[in-house]
Protein backbone atom coordinates (compact mmCIF):
# COMPACT_ATOMS: atom_id res chain seq x y z
CA MET A 1 117.71 82.71 131.32
CA GLU A 2 116.42 82.23 127.77
CA PHE A 3 116.36 85.20 125.38
CA GLY A 4 114.16 85.62 122.37
CA THR A 5 113.38 88.24 119.77
CA PHE A 6 109.80 89.23 119.15
CA ILE A 7 109.21 90.29 115.53
CA LEU A 8 106.10 92.32 114.86
CA ALA A 9 106.98 93.19 111.17
CA ALA A 10 105.44 96.70 111.23
CA GLN A 11 105.26 99.11 108.32
CA ARG A 12 105.49 102.68 109.47
CA GLY A 13 104.94 104.24 106.01
CA TYR A 14 104.97 103.68 102.32
CA HIS A 15 108.76 104.24 102.32
CA GLN A 16 108.85 100.64 103.46
CA THR A 17 107.50 98.05 101.03
CA SER A 18 105.84 94.91 102.36
CA GLU A 19 108.69 92.90 100.84
CA GLN A 20 111.37 94.83 102.67
CA VAL A 21 109.43 94.42 106.01
CA ILE A 22 109.09 90.61 105.59
CA LEU A 23 112.63 90.05 104.35
CA ASN A 24 114.04 92.26 107.11
CA SER A 25 112.08 90.10 109.72
CA ILE A 26 113.58 86.89 108.26
CA GLU A 27 117.06 88.47 108.33
CA GLN A 28 116.60 89.41 111.99
CA THR A 29 115.65 85.84 112.74
CA VAL A 30 118.79 84.49 111.09
CA ALA A 31 120.94 87.08 112.92
CA SER A 32 119.20 86.17 116.22
CA GLU A 33 120.30 82.55 115.74
CA LYS A 34 123.90 83.52 115.01
CA ALA A 35 123.95 85.78 118.13
CA GLY A 36 122.83 82.96 120.34
CA PHE A 37 119.15 83.84 121.03
CA ASP A 38 117.09 80.86 122.05
CA ALA A 39 113.85 81.79 120.16
CA ALA A 40 112.24 84.10 117.56
CA TRP A 41 108.51 84.86 117.82
CA PHE A 42 106.27 86.18 115.13
CA ALA A 43 102.99 88.07 115.60
CA GLU A 44 99.81 87.77 113.57
CA HIS A 45 97.66 90.71 112.26
CA HIS A 46 95.72 91.60 109.27
CA PHE A 47 94.48 94.36 106.91
CA ASN A 48 96.69 97.35 108.07
CA ASN A 49 100.25 98.37 108.65
CA TYR A 50 100.40 97.52 112.42
CA SER A 51 101.94 94.12 111.55
CA LEU A 52 102.46 92.49 108.16
CA VAL A 53 102.61 88.82 109.23
CA PRO A 54 99.27 87.14 108.29
CA SER A 55 100.39 83.74 109.39
CA PRO A 56 103.18 83.14 112.13
CA LEU A 57 103.35 79.51 110.97
CA MET A 58 104.18 80.55 107.43
CA MET A 59 107.02 82.66 109.03
CA VAL A 60 108.16 79.61 111.01
CA ALA A 61 108.20 77.51 107.82
CA ALA A 62 110.13 80.33 105.89
CA CYS A 63 112.72 80.70 108.62
CA ALA A 64 113.11 76.99 109.22
CA GLY A 65 115.07 76.54 105.99
CA GLN A 66 117.49 79.36 106.89
CA THR A 67 118.20 78.34 110.55
CA SER A 68 119.03 75.14 112.41
CA LYS A 69 118.97 75.71 116.14
CA ILE A 70 116.83 78.65 117.20
CA ARG A 71 113.29 77.80 118.23
CA LEU A 72 110.57 79.42 116.05
CA GLY A 73 107.26 80.40 117.53
CA SER A 74 103.85 82.01 116.98
CA ALA A 75 103.20 85.00 119.29
CA VAL A 76 100.36 84.42 118.62
CA CYS A 77 98.08 82.63 116.29
CA VAL A 78 94.65 84.26 116.80
CA LEU A 79 92.52 81.22 117.22
CA PRO A 80 89.01 82.71 116.55
CA LEU A 81 90.24 83.60 112.98
CA TYR A 82 91.04 79.97 112.12
CA GLN A 83 89.37 76.65 111.42
CA PRO A 84 91.12 74.71 114.24
CA GLN A 85 91.03 71.43 112.30
CA ARG A 86 93.01 73.00 109.53
CA LEU A 87 95.29 74.80 111.96
CA LEU A 88 96.14 71.37 113.46
CA SER A 89 97.62 70.24 110.23
CA GLU A 90 99.56 73.47 109.74
CA VAL A 91 101.03 73.11 113.32
CA GLY A 92 102.29 69.56 112.36
CA PHE A 93 103.68 70.86 109.12
CA ALA A 94 105.48 73.73 110.72
CA ASP A 95 106.99 71.42 113.38
CA ILE A 96 108.18 68.97 110.73
CA VAL A 97 109.86 71.40 108.53
CA SER A 98 111.52 72.97 111.46
CA ASN A 99 112.81 69.71 112.79
CA GLY A 100 110.87 69.98 115.99
CA ARG A 101 111.60 73.59 116.75
CA LEU A 102 108.13 74.93 116.87
CA ASP A 103 106.67 76.75 119.86
CA PHE A 104 102.97 77.13 119.36
CA GLY A 105 101.53 80.40 120.86
CA VAL A 106 97.82 81.22 120.82
CA GLY A 107 95.58 84.07 121.75
CA SER A 108 92.01 85.29 121.50
CA GLY A 109 92.71 88.57 119.59
CA TYR A 110 91.63 92.12 120.40
CA GLN A 111 91.42 94.16 117.21
CA GLU A 112 87.73 94.57 116.05
CA PHE A 113 89.26 95.97 112.74
CA GLU A 114 90.47 92.45 111.92
CA PHE A 115 87.49 90.53 113.16
CA GLU A 116 84.93 92.67 111.26
CA ARG A 117 86.91 91.85 107.96
CA PHE A 118 86.70 88.21 108.69
CA GLY A 119 83.01 88.49 109.39
CA ILE A 120 83.58 87.33 113.05
CA ASN A 121 82.08 88.99 116.18
CA LEU A 122 84.88 90.10 118.56
CA GLY A 123 82.46 89.75 121.49
CA ASP A 124 82.46 85.98 120.86
CA ALA A 125 86.22 85.77 120.77
CA PRO A 126 86.81 84.58 124.38
CA GLN A 127 84.28 81.76 124.16
CA VAL A 128 85.36 80.73 120.69
CA PHE A 129 89.06 80.82 121.79
CA ASN A 130 88.26 78.43 124.68
CA GLU A 131 86.39 76.08 122.34
CA TYR A 132 89.04 76.03 119.71
CA LEU A 133 91.87 75.61 122.23
CA GLU A 134 90.08 72.50 123.53
CA ILE A 135 89.89 71.28 119.90
CA ILE A 136 93.60 71.93 119.41
CA MET A 137 94.45 69.97 122.51
CA LYS A 138 92.22 67.04 121.41
CA GLY A 139 93.74 66.98 117.98
CA LEU A 140 97.33 67.03 119.21
CA ASN A 141 96.83 64.45 121.86
CA ASN A 142 94.59 61.99 120.05
CA LYS A 143 94.95 60.14 116.58
CA ILE A 144 91.11 60.49 116.07
CA PHE A 145 89.09 63.23 117.72
CA GLU A 146 85.64 64.72 117.49
CA HIS A 147 84.05 67.85 118.97
CA SER A 148 80.54 69.34 119.35
CA SER A 149 79.96 72.84 120.77
CA GLU A 150 77.94 75.98 120.09
CA HIS A 151 80.40 77.32 117.45
CA ILE A 152 81.51 74.24 115.65
CA GLN A 153 80.66 70.59 114.99
CA ILE A 154 83.56 68.25 113.94
CA PRO A 155 82.82 64.48 113.27
CA PRO A 156 85.47 61.88 114.05
CA THR A 157 88.52 63.31 112.34
CA ALA A 158 92.19 62.35 111.86
CA ILE A 159 94.92 64.89 111.32
CA ALA A 160 97.39 63.31 108.89
CA VAL A 161 100.26 65.74 109.47
CA ARG A 162 101.52 65.18 113.08
CA PRO A 163 104.10 67.18 114.93
CA VAL A 164 107.63 65.81 115.52
CA GLN A 165 107.63 66.92 119.21
CA GLN A 166 105.72 64.48 121.40
CA PRO A 167 103.19 64.58 122.89
CA THR A 168 102.87 68.09 121.56
CA PRO A 169 104.99 71.14 120.70
CA PRO A 170 105.18 73.54 123.64
CA ILE A 171 101.92 75.46 123.76
CA TRP A 172 101.79 79.08 124.90
CA ILE A 173 98.96 81.39 125.76
CA ALA A 174 98.95 85.20 125.77
CA ALA A 175 97.69 86.11 129.15
CA GLY A 176 96.82 89.72 129.95
CA SER A 177 94.48 88.95 132.83
CA PRO A 178 94.41 86.75 135.95
CA ARG A 179 91.62 84.75 134.37
CA SER A 180 93.62 83.80 131.22
CA MET A 181 96.69 83.18 133.36
CA SER A 182 94.63 80.72 135.43
CA ARG A 183 93.56 78.94 132.20
CA GLY A 184 97.22 78.62 131.22
CA PHE A 185 98.31 77.18 134.63
CA ARG A 186 95.31 74.85 134.75
CA ASP A 187 95.99 73.33 131.38
CA GLY A 188 99.72 73.16 131.81
CA LEU A 189 100.50 75.79 129.13
CA ASN A 190 103.31 78.24 129.01
CA ILE A 191 102.43 82.00 129.37
CA PHE A 192 103.28 85.21 127.63
CA VAL A 193 103.05 88.43 129.67
CA THR A 194 104.10 92.01 129.12
CA ALA A 195 104.24 95.21 131.06
CA PHE A 196 103.93 97.39 127.91
CA HIS A 197 106.01 100.54 128.56
CA ASP A 198 105.46 100.56 132.34
CA GLY A 199 108.10 100.06 134.96
CA ASN A 200 108.77 98.02 138.13
CA ASP A 201 105.44 98.68 139.80
CA ARG A 202 103.62 97.19 136.86
CA ILE A 203 106.09 94.26 136.66
CA ARG A 204 105.46 93.50 140.35
CA GLN A 205 101.67 93.44 139.64
CA VAL A 206 102.13 90.96 136.84
CA ARG A 207 104.16 88.72 139.11
CA GLU A 208 101.44 88.91 141.81
CA ASN A 209 98.81 88.07 139.20
CA LEU A 210 100.78 85.04 138.06
CA GLU A 211 101.22 83.88 141.64
CA GLU A 212 97.42 84.25 142.51
CA ALA A 213 96.35 82.69 139.22
CA ALA A 214 98.69 79.58 139.78
CA GLU A 215 97.46 79.31 143.30
CA SER A 216 93.79 79.47 142.25
CA VAL A 217 94.22 76.23 140.24
CA GLY A 218 96.45 74.46 142.79
CA LYS A 219 99.73 75.14 140.74
CA GLN A 220 102.96 77.02 141.23
CA VAL A 221 104.19 79.66 138.81
CA SER A 222 107.22 77.37 138.10
CA ASP A 223 104.90 74.70 136.74
CA SER A 224 104.69 76.79 133.55
CA LYS A 225 107.35 78.65 131.59
CA ILE A 226 106.88 82.49 131.51
CA ALA A 227 107.96 84.65 128.68
CA PHE A 228 108.24 88.39 129.13
CA LEU A 229 107.77 90.48 125.94
CA ARG A 230 109.81 93.68 126.44
CA CYS A 231 111.03 96.68 124.58
CA CYS A 232 114.84 96.68 125.15
CA TYR A 233 117.67 98.60 123.33
CA ALA A 234 121.23 99.31 124.34
CA SER A 235 123.48 101.90 122.95
CA GLU A 236 125.68 104.80 123.93
CA ASN A 237 124.37 106.68 120.92
CA LYS A 238 121.52 109.06 122.01
CA ALA A 239 120.02 109.27 118.56
CA GLU A 240 119.82 105.52 118.22
CA VAL A 241 118.14 105.19 121.62
CA GLU A 242 115.66 107.94 120.77
CA SER A 243 114.84 106.39 117.37
CA TYR A 244 114.11 103.07 119.06
CA LEU A 245 111.92 104.83 121.69
CA ASP A 246 110.08 106.78 119.03
CA ASN A 247 109.27 103.61 117.18
CA ALA A 248 108.23 101.87 120.38
CA ARG A 249 105.86 104.70 121.21
CA TYR A 250 104.52 104.65 117.57
CA GLN A 251 103.75 100.99 117.86
CA ARG A 252 102.05 101.43 121.11
CA ARG A 253 99.88 104.30 119.71
CA LEU A 254 98.69 102.07 116.87
CA SER A 255 97.96 99.16 119.23
CA GLU A 256 95.95 101.26 121.59
CA ALA A 257 94.01 102.87 118.72
CA LEU A 258 93.14 99.47 117.33
CA GLN A 259 92.22 98.13 120.78
CA LYS A 260 89.96 101.12 121.49
CA ARG A 261 88.41 101.22 118.00
CA THR A 262 89.73 104.78 117.47
CA GLN A 263 92.04 104.02 114.62
CA GLN A 264 92.03 106.55 111.73
CA SER A 265 93.23 106.16 108.20
CA GLU A 266 93.15 108.48 105.20
CA ASP A 267 93.38 105.56 102.65
CA GLY A 268 91.81 102.65 104.36
CA TYR A 269 95.11 100.95 105.13
CA MET A 270 97.88 103.17 106.62
CA ILE A 271 96.87 103.90 110.24
CA LYS A 272 97.48 107.51 111.28
CA GLU A 273 99.66 107.98 114.30
CA MET A 274 97.82 109.94 117.04
CA PRO A 275 99.11 110.88 120.50
CA THR A 276 97.22 108.90 123.25
CA GLU A 277 96.59 109.16 126.96
CA GLN A 278 99.18 106.32 127.39
CA ASP A 279 102.01 108.38 125.89
CA LEU A 280 105.22 108.77 127.90
CA SER A 281 108.19 111.00 127.38
CA PHE A 282 111.35 109.26 126.11
CA GLU A 283 112.87 110.02 129.50
CA GLN A 284 110.08 108.17 131.31
CA MET A 285 110.16 105.31 128.80
CA SER A 286 113.85 104.80 129.31
CA LYS A 287 113.48 105.00 133.02
CA ASN A 288 110.73 102.38 132.96
CA MET A 289 112.43 99.96 130.47
CA PRO A 290 115.80 98.49 129.59
CA VAL A 291 116.46 101.13 127.04
CA GLY A 292 119.58 103.26 127.30
CA GLY A 293 123.34 102.74 127.73
CA ILE A 294 124.75 99.22 127.78
CA ASN A 295 125.43 99.02 131.51
CA TYR A 296 122.12 100.64 132.34
CA VAL A 297 120.21 98.01 130.23
CA ILE A 298 122.10 95.07 131.88
CA GLU A 299 121.37 96.47 135.38
CA LYS A 300 117.78 97.24 134.47
CA LEU A 301 117.17 93.78 133.00
CA ILE A 302 118.62 92.05 136.06
CA GLU A 303 116.40 94.17 138.22
CA GLU A 304 113.26 93.23 136.26
CA ILE A 305 114.21 89.51 136.15
CA GLU A 306 114.53 89.49 139.95
CA ILE A 307 111.04 90.97 140.18
CA LEU A 308 109.13 88.88 137.60
CA LYS A 309 111.23 85.74 137.60
CA PRO A 310 110.51 84.84 133.99
CA ASP A 311 112.14 81.96 132.05
CA GLN A 312 112.58 83.95 128.92
CA ILE A 313 112.94 87.67 127.90
CA ALA A 314 111.66 88.25 124.40
CA ILE A 315 112.96 91.68 123.23
CA GLN A 316 111.14 93.61 120.58
CA THR A 317 113.54 94.03 117.57
CA GLN A 318 111.22 94.82 114.69
CA LEU A 319 109.47 98.15 115.52
CA GLY A 320 108.22 100.73 113.00
CA ASP A 321 110.94 101.85 110.55
CA PHE A 322 113.98 101.46 112.82
CA ASP A 323 117.05 101.13 110.69
CA GLN A 324 117.71 97.53 109.82
CA LYS A 325 121.51 97.64 109.76
CA THR A 326 121.48 99.28 113.14
CA MET A 327 119.14 96.55 114.58
CA LEU A 328 121.23 93.75 113.21
CA LYS A 329 124.17 95.29 114.96
CA GLN A 330 122.03 95.52 118.10
CA ILE A 331 121.19 91.85 117.94
CA ASP A 332 124.83 91.02 117.59
CA LEU A 333 125.66 93.26 120.70
CA TRP A 334 123.11 91.26 122.80
CA GLY A 335 124.83 88.03 121.85
CA GLU A 336 128.34 89.40 122.53
CA LYS A 337 127.78 91.42 125.71
CA ILE A 338 124.35 91.74 127.15
CA ILE A 339 123.07 88.13 127.30
CA PRO A 340 126.47 86.80 128.78
CA ALA A 341 126.50 89.66 131.39
CA VAL A 342 122.86 89.11 132.50
CA ASN A 343 123.29 85.28 132.73
CA LYS A 344 126.51 85.72 134.66
CA ALA A 345 124.89 88.07 137.15
CA ILE A 346 121.84 85.85 137.51
CA GLY A 347 124.15 82.80 137.86
CA SER A 348 126.13 84.56 140.62
CA SER A 349 122.92 85.59 142.39
CA VAL A 350 121.70 81.94 142.39
CA VAL A 351 124.98 80.70 143.73
CA SER A 352 125.06 83.29 146.44
CA ILE A 353 121.59 82.34 147.57
CA ALA A 354 122.46 78.63 147.64
CA SER A 355 125.45 79.32 149.67
C-alpha cells in the first residue's frame, strides 16, 4: 500500500500569513519524504483562503529541489482555467526539475467563485475539460500535434520541454461520479476518489461505482491505480484529535459553501465559516474516519482498505490552522508506526488468502 500526504494549504484566518502557509506546506512535504511517504499532493484554488496554492506544478518545482525520492503531484490542476498548450510545457518542466517524479492530476473544477474571476463559464467546464484533456494527451504522446474544437483551435504545434517519464508522467483524474470514473478507466488514467467525512457505507458505494464504471468500458478496477483522499489523524491526546476534527469540519464547511455558491465574506477574501447540513459531530466524524487513538486508526484504515481496495491512501495533513509542529510529529508517527503496521496487516492478509 502506498501512502501520500494531501496538502491543501488553507488559511483559516489572518493570524496565518500566506508566507507561513506556503512554507509550512513545503516543510510538510520534506517531512513526508523523511517519514517514508510515497507521494505528496498539492491542490489548486484561487482568490480566497480555502487554499493558497495557485499552481500545483509550481509547488512541485519548489519541493523538487528540497526532496529526492518522494513523488510530487497535482491534485489537481483545474484544466478549464489553463491554456492546455502552455500547461504541456509546464508539465514537462516540472517533470524535468523533479527528475521524473511528477504525478499529473487533473480535474474540471467546481467553484464558480474562481471561474467568474477568470471570466470562464462554470457550466462549460465539463466539456472544456474533456477537450483540454484530449489536447494534453495529444501533446504528451506526439512530437507535433494539432487540435480543432468548439473551444480552441491549435495549429500544428511542438512542445519543446518534454517530460522525463515516457511515454508520459502518470496521469490522474479526480472522479466524483461514475461518468468521470468511466472516462478514467477508458483512457487508462489513474483515479482520485474520496468519501469526504462519511463512513463505511459511503466507501462501499465508491467501490461499487468504480467496479461498475470499469465494467462499462470493458476494464477492471485493477487496470488503473486508485488513490483515496482521506482525513486521518492518530493521537492519544484528545485535544489534538478534536483540533484536527475541528479543522477538517471547517475545511468541509468552506468547500460546501463554495460548491453551493453560498459563500459569505465580510472583506471579499476571507470566507466566513458557517454551519452546514453536512456537519457531523466530532464523535460521528471519528467513528466514520481513521481519526482517534493510534490502534483505532490502524484498525479503521485496514477496514477501509479492505472495502475500497485502493492503491494509495493520501492523508490530509494541511488543514485550517492546525499546529504545524504537532502535524510534523504526526507525519513522523505515520512513518514510524502506522504505515508499517498497516502494511504488515495487509501483507499478512494477502498471505493468508494465498494460503
